[in-house]
Each structure stands twice: as structure tokens, then as C-alpha cells.
Amino acid sequence: MCQIAGEHLQEPTPAEGAGNYVLEGGAPVSDLVTAGQADTLNRLGTIFDKASVGIGRWDAQGRILAANPAFERMLGYAEGELL
């Protein structure tokens, strides 16, 4: 799960269509940004979630803010357990 503007993004269901990420509360990404930016952010979210290499982001105190599934596997955590 990745974040944009501090909001967690949820991967779309097959019915919603691939790459159409929504905020955790259900609002589409397009509510925060322009259509072009939403398309770019959706693509980046897909890359983040589907990458075969571990990608993580943490703050200055060492708290993990975002981790893709490959990063979680690399550290030995189940998907979603790290955040």
C-alpha cells in the first residue's frame, strides 16, 4: 500500500479497473490532483506495489511510512504486517 499526501492508497479491485487507486476512505485519487497528475500517481502506485524489488520509505525517527510487498517479504513480514 502506498501513500499520497499522507493518505494510504488501496489497490483497485478488478471491477474498478487496474491502476485506479482510491484513498483509504474510498475517495478517488483524482479528488486531490488534476487528471494528468492522477494518471501519473496511479502508474507510480502500480509500479510501487508490483515491483519485484523492495521499496520502503521511513521518517527521520526510523518509522516505516510505506513499504511495498517485496520490501515486506525481504524483511520477513507478511503482507500488511509491517505498517
N, C-alpha and C. Protein backbone atom coordinates (compact mmCIF):
# COMPACT_ATOMS: atom_id res chain seq x y z
N MET A 1 0.85 -1.16 0.00
CA MET A 1 0.00 0.00 0.00
C MET A 1 0.90 1.23 0.00
N CYS A 2 0.65 2.18 -0.88
CA CYS A 2 1.47 3.39 -0.91
C CYS A 2 0.66 4.57 -0.41
N GLN A 3 1.31 5.71 -0.26
CA GLN A 3 0.66 6.90 0.25
C GLN A 3 0.87 8.07 -0.69
N ILE A 4 -0.11 8.94 -0.73
CA ILE A 4 -0.01 10.22 -1.43
C ILE A 4 -0.60 11.26 -0.50
N ALA A 5 0.14 12.33 -0.26
CA ALA A 5 -0.31 13.41 0.62
C ALA A 5 -0.74 12.86 1.97
N GLY A 6 -0.02 11.87 2.47
CA GLY A 6 -0.31 11.30 3.78
C GLY A 6 -1.48 10.34 3.81
N GLU A 7 -2.11 10.11 2.68
CA GLU A 7 -3.27 9.22 2.61
C GLU A 7 -2.84 7.86 2.07
N HIS A 8 -3.26 6.80 2.71
CA HIS A 8 -2.98 5.46 2.20
C HIS A 8 -3.81 5.23 0.94
N LEU A 9 -3.22 4.58 -0.03
CA LEU A 9 -3.93 4.23 -1.25
C LEU A 9 -4.24 2.74 -1.22
N GLN A 10 -5.42 2.39 -1.66
CA GLN A 10 -5.80 1.00 -1.75
C GLN A 10 -5.77 0.58 -3.21
N GLU A 11 -5.23 -0.61 -3.45
CA GLU A 11 -5.20 -1.14 -4.81
C GLU A 11 -6.63 -1.40 -5.26
N PRO A 12 -6.93 -1.06 -6.53
CA PRO A 12 -8.29 -1.23 -7.01
C PRO A 12 -8.68 -2.69 -7.14
N THR A 13 -9.98 -2.94 -7.02
CA THR A 13 -10.50 -4.28 -7.28
C THR A 13 -10.59 -4.45 -8.79
N PRO A 14 -10.68 -5.69 -9.29
CA PRO A 14 -10.81 -5.89 -10.73
C PRO A 14 -11.99 -5.13 -11.33
N ALA A 15 -13.08 -5.00 -10.59
CA ALA A 15 -14.25 -4.28 -11.10
C ALA A 15 -13.96 -2.78 -11.28
N GLU A 16 -13.09 -2.22 -10.43
CA GLU A 16 -12.76 -0.80 -10.52
C GLU A 16 -11.79 -0.51 -11.66
N GLY A 17 -11.07 -1.52 -12.10
CA GLY A 17 -10.12 -1.33 -13.17
C GLY A 17 -8.71 -1.17 -12.65
N ALA A 18 -7.77 -1.79 -13.33
CA ALA A 18 -6.37 -1.75 -12.91
C ALA A 18 -5.86 -0.32 -12.91
N GLY A 19 -5.13 0.03 -11.87
CA GLY A 19 -4.48 1.33 -11.80
C GLY A 19 -5.33 2.47 -11.30
N ASN A 20 -6.60 2.23 -10.97
CA ASN A 20 -7.46 3.29 -10.47
C ASN A 20 -7.45 3.28 -8.94
N TYR A 21 -6.38 3.79 -8.37
CA TYR A 21 -6.22 3.77 -6.93
C TYR A 21 -7.20 4.72 -6.25
N VAL A 22 -7.60 4.36 -5.05
CA VAL A 22 -8.50 5.20 -4.26
C VAL A 22 -7.87 5.43 -2.90
N LEU A 23 -8.27 6.53 -2.25
CA LEU A 23 -7.81 6.80 -0.90
C LEU A 23 -8.45 5.81 0.05
N GLU A 24 -7.85 5.65 1.22
CA GLU A 24 -8.33 4.66 2.18
C GLU A 24 -9.81 4.83 2.49
N GLY A 25 -10.30 6.06 2.51
CA GLY A 25 -11.70 6.32 2.79
C GLY A 25 -12.63 6.07 1.62
N GLY A 26 -12.07 5.75 0.44
CA GLY A 26 -12.88 5.45 -0.72
C GLY A 26 -12.89 6.52 -1.79
N ALA A 27 -12.36 7.71 -1.50
CA ALA A 27 -12.34 8.79 -2.50
C ALA A 27 -11.28 8.50 -3.55
N PRO A 28 -11.57 8.78 -4.81
CA PRO A 28 -10.56 8.55 -5.85
C PRO A 28 -9.40 9.53 -5.73
N VAL A 29 -8.24 9.11 -6.19
CA VAL A 29 -7.05 9.95 -6.17
C VAL A 29 -7.33 11.27 -6.89
N SER A 30 -8.16 11.21 -7.92
CA SER A 30 -8.45 12.40 -8.72
C SER A 30 -9.09 13.52 -7.90
N ASP A 31 -9.60 13.22 -6.70
CA ASP A 31 -10.15 14.27 -5.84
C ASP A 31 -9.05 15.19 -5.30
N LEU A 32 -7.79 14.73 -5.29
CA LEU A 32 -6.68 15.53 -4.75
C LEU A 32 -5.87 16.25 -5.82
N VAL A 33 -5.90 15.75 -7.05
CA VAL A 33 -4.99 16.24 -8.07
C VAL A 33 -5.70 16.35 -9.42
N THR A 34 -5.01 16.95 -10.40
CA THR A 34 -5.57 17.05 -11.75
C THR A 34 -5.61 15.66 -12.40
N ALA A 35 -6.30 15.56 -13.52
CA ALA A 35 -6.43 14.28 -14.22
C ALA A 35 -5.07 13.75 -14.65
N GLY A 36 -4.20 14.60 -15.17
CA GLY A 36 -2.87 14.17 -15.60
C GLY A 36 -2.03 13.70 -14.43
N GLN A 37 -2.12 14.41 -13.32
CA GLN A 37 -1.38 14.01 -12.12
C GLN A 37 -1.93 12.70 -11.56
N ALA A 38 -3.24 12.53 -11.59
CA ALA A 38 -3.85 11.30 -11.08
C ALA A 38 -3.37 10.10 -11.90
N ASP A 39 -3.29 10.26 -13.22
CA ASP A 39 -2.81 9.18 -14.07
C ASP A 39 -1.37 8.81 -13.70
N THR A 40 -0.53 9.81 -13.54
CA THR A 40 0.87 9.57 -13.16
C THR A 40 0.96 8.91 -11.79
N LEU A 41 0.18 9.40 -10.82
CA LEU A 41 0.21 8.82 -9.48
C LEU A 41 -0.31 7.39 -9.48
N ASN A 42 -1.32 7.10 -10.28
CA ASN A 42 -1.82 5.74 -10.38
C ASN A 42 -0.76 4.80 -10.96
N ARG A 43 -0.05 5.28 -11.97
CA ARG A 43 1.03 4.47 -12.55
C ARG A 43 2.13 4.23 -11.53
N LEU A 44 2.51 5.27 -10.81
CA LEU A 44 3.56 5.11 -9.79
C LEU A 44 3.11 4.17 -8.68
N GLY A 45 1.84 4.25 -8.29
CA GLY A 45 1.31 3.33 -7.28
C GLY A 45 1.38 1.89 -7.75
N THR A 46 1.07 1.67 -9.01
CA THR A 46 1.15 0.31 -9.57
C THR A 46 2.59 -0.18 -9.58
N ILE A 47 3.51 0.67 -10.00
CA ILE A 47 4.93 0.30 -10.00
C ILE A 47 5.39 -0.03 -8.59
N PHE A 48 5.02 0.80 -7.62
CA PHE A 48 5.40 0.60 -6.22
C PHE A 48 4.89 -0.75 -5.73
N ASP A 49 3.62 -1.04 -5.97
CA ASP A 49 3.01 -2.28 -5.46
C ASP A 49 3.48 -3.53 -6.18
N LYS A 50 3.78 -3.44 -7.46
CA LYS A 50 4.11 -4.61 -8.26
C LYS A 50 5.61 -4.83 -8.45
N ALA A 51 6.45 -3.92 -7.98
CA ALA A 51 7.90 -4.05 -8.17
C ALA A 51 8.41 -5.33 -7.52
N SER A 52 9.36 -5.97 -8.20
CA SER A 52 9.94 -7.20 -7.65
C SER A 52 11.06 -6.90 -6.66
N VAL A 53 11.45 -5.65 -6.55
CA VAL A 53 12.46 -5.23 -5.58
C VAL A 53 11.78 -4.52 -4.42
N GLY A 54 12.39 -4.59 -3.26
CA GLY A 54 11.83 -3.96 -2.07
C GLY A 54 11.98 -2.45 -2.12
N ILE A 55 10.87 -1.74 -1.87
CA ILE A 55 10.88 -0.29 -1.82
C ILE A 55 10.23 0.12 -0.51
N GLY A 56 10.92 0.93 0.26
CA GLY A 56 10.38 1.42 1.53
C GLY A 56 10.67 2.88 1.71
N ARG A 57 9.88 3.52 2.57
CA ARG A 57 10.08 4.93 2.91
C ARG A 57 9.88 5.06 4.41
N TRP A 58 10.77 5.80 5.07
CA TRP A 58 10.65 5.99 6.50
C TRP A 58 10.99 7.42 6.85
N ASP A 59 10.59 7.83 8.06
CA ASP A 59 10.83 9.20 8.51
C ASP A 59 12.16 9.31 9.24
N ALA A 60 12.45 10.49 9.73
CA ALA A 60 13.73 10.76 10.39
C ALA A 60 13.90 9.96 11.68
N GLN A 61 12.80 9.52 12.29
CA GLN A 61 12.86 8.72 13.51
C GLN A 61 12.96 7.23 13.21
N GLY A 62 12.99 6.87 11.95
CA GLY A 62 13.11 5.46 11.57
C GLY A 62 11.80 4.71 11.47
N ARG A 63 10.67 5.41 11.58
CA ARG A 63 9.36 4.75 11.44
C ARG A 63 9.08 4.52 9.97
N ILE A 64 8.64 3.33 9.64
CA ILE A 64 8.34 2.99 8.26
C ILE A 64 7.01 3.63 7.88
N LEU A 65 7.04 4.43 6.82
CA LEU A 65 5.84 5.12 6.35
C LEU A 65 5.17 4.38 5.20
N ALA A 66 5.96 3.70 4.39
CA ALA A 66 5.42 2.96 3.25
C ALA A 66 6.36 1.81 2.93
N ALA A 67 5.77 0.70 2.53
CA ALA A 67 6.56 -0.47 2.14
C ALA A 67 5.77 -1.26 1.11
N ASN A 68 6.45 -1.65 0.05
CA ASN A 68 5.75 -2.48 -0.94
C ASN A 68 5.85 -3.95 -0.50
N PRO A 69 5.05 -4.83 -1.10
CA PRO A 69 5.07 -6.24 -0.69
C PRO A 69 6.46 -6.89 -0.77
N ALA A 70 7.26 -6.53 -1.77
CA ALA A 70 8.60 -7.11 -1.89
C ALA A 70 9.48 -6.69 -0.71
N PHE A 71 9.33 -5.46 -0.23
CA PHE A 71 10.09 -4.98 0.92
C PHE A 71 9.70 -5.75 2.18
N GLU A 72 8.39 -5.97 2.33
CA GLU A 72 7.91 -6.73 3.49
C GLU A 72 8.45 -8.16 3.46
N ARG A 73 8.40 -8.81 2.29
CA ARG A 73 8.94 -10.18 2.17
C ARG A 73 10.43 -10.19 2.46
N MET A 74 11.13 -9.18 1.98
CA MET A 74 12.58 -9.09 2.18
C MET A 74 12.92 -9.05 3.67
N LEU A 75 12.07 -8.40 4.46
CA LEU A 75 12.29 -8.28 5.90
C LEU A 75 11.64 -9.41 6.69
N GLY A 76 10.93 -10.30 6.01
CA GLY A 76 10.33 -11.46 6.67
C GLY A 76 8.95 -11.21 7.27
N TYR A 77 8.26 -10.16 6.82
CA TYR A 77 6.93 -9.85 7.33
C TYR A 77 5.87 -10.31 6.33
N ALA A 78 4.69 -10.62 6.84
CA ALA A 78 3.56 -10.93 5.98
C ALA A 78 3.05 -9.62 5.39
N GLU A 79 2.36 -9.71 4.24
CA GLU A 79 1.86 -8.50 3.59
C GLU A 79 0.94 -7.73 4.53
N GLY A 80 1.19 -6.45 4.69
CA GLY A 80 0.39 -5.60 5.54
C GLY A 80 0.80 -5.60 7.00
N GLU A 81 1.65 -6.49 7.42
CA GLU A 81 2.06 -6.61 8.82
C GLU A 81 3.03 -5.50 9.23
N LEU A 82 3.81 -4.99 8.31
CA LEU A 82 4.87 -4.04 8.63
C LEU A 82 4.33 -2.65 8.95
N LEU A 83 3.24 -2.26 8.33
CA LEU A 83 2.72 -0.90 8.52
C LEU A 83 1.74 -0.81 9.64
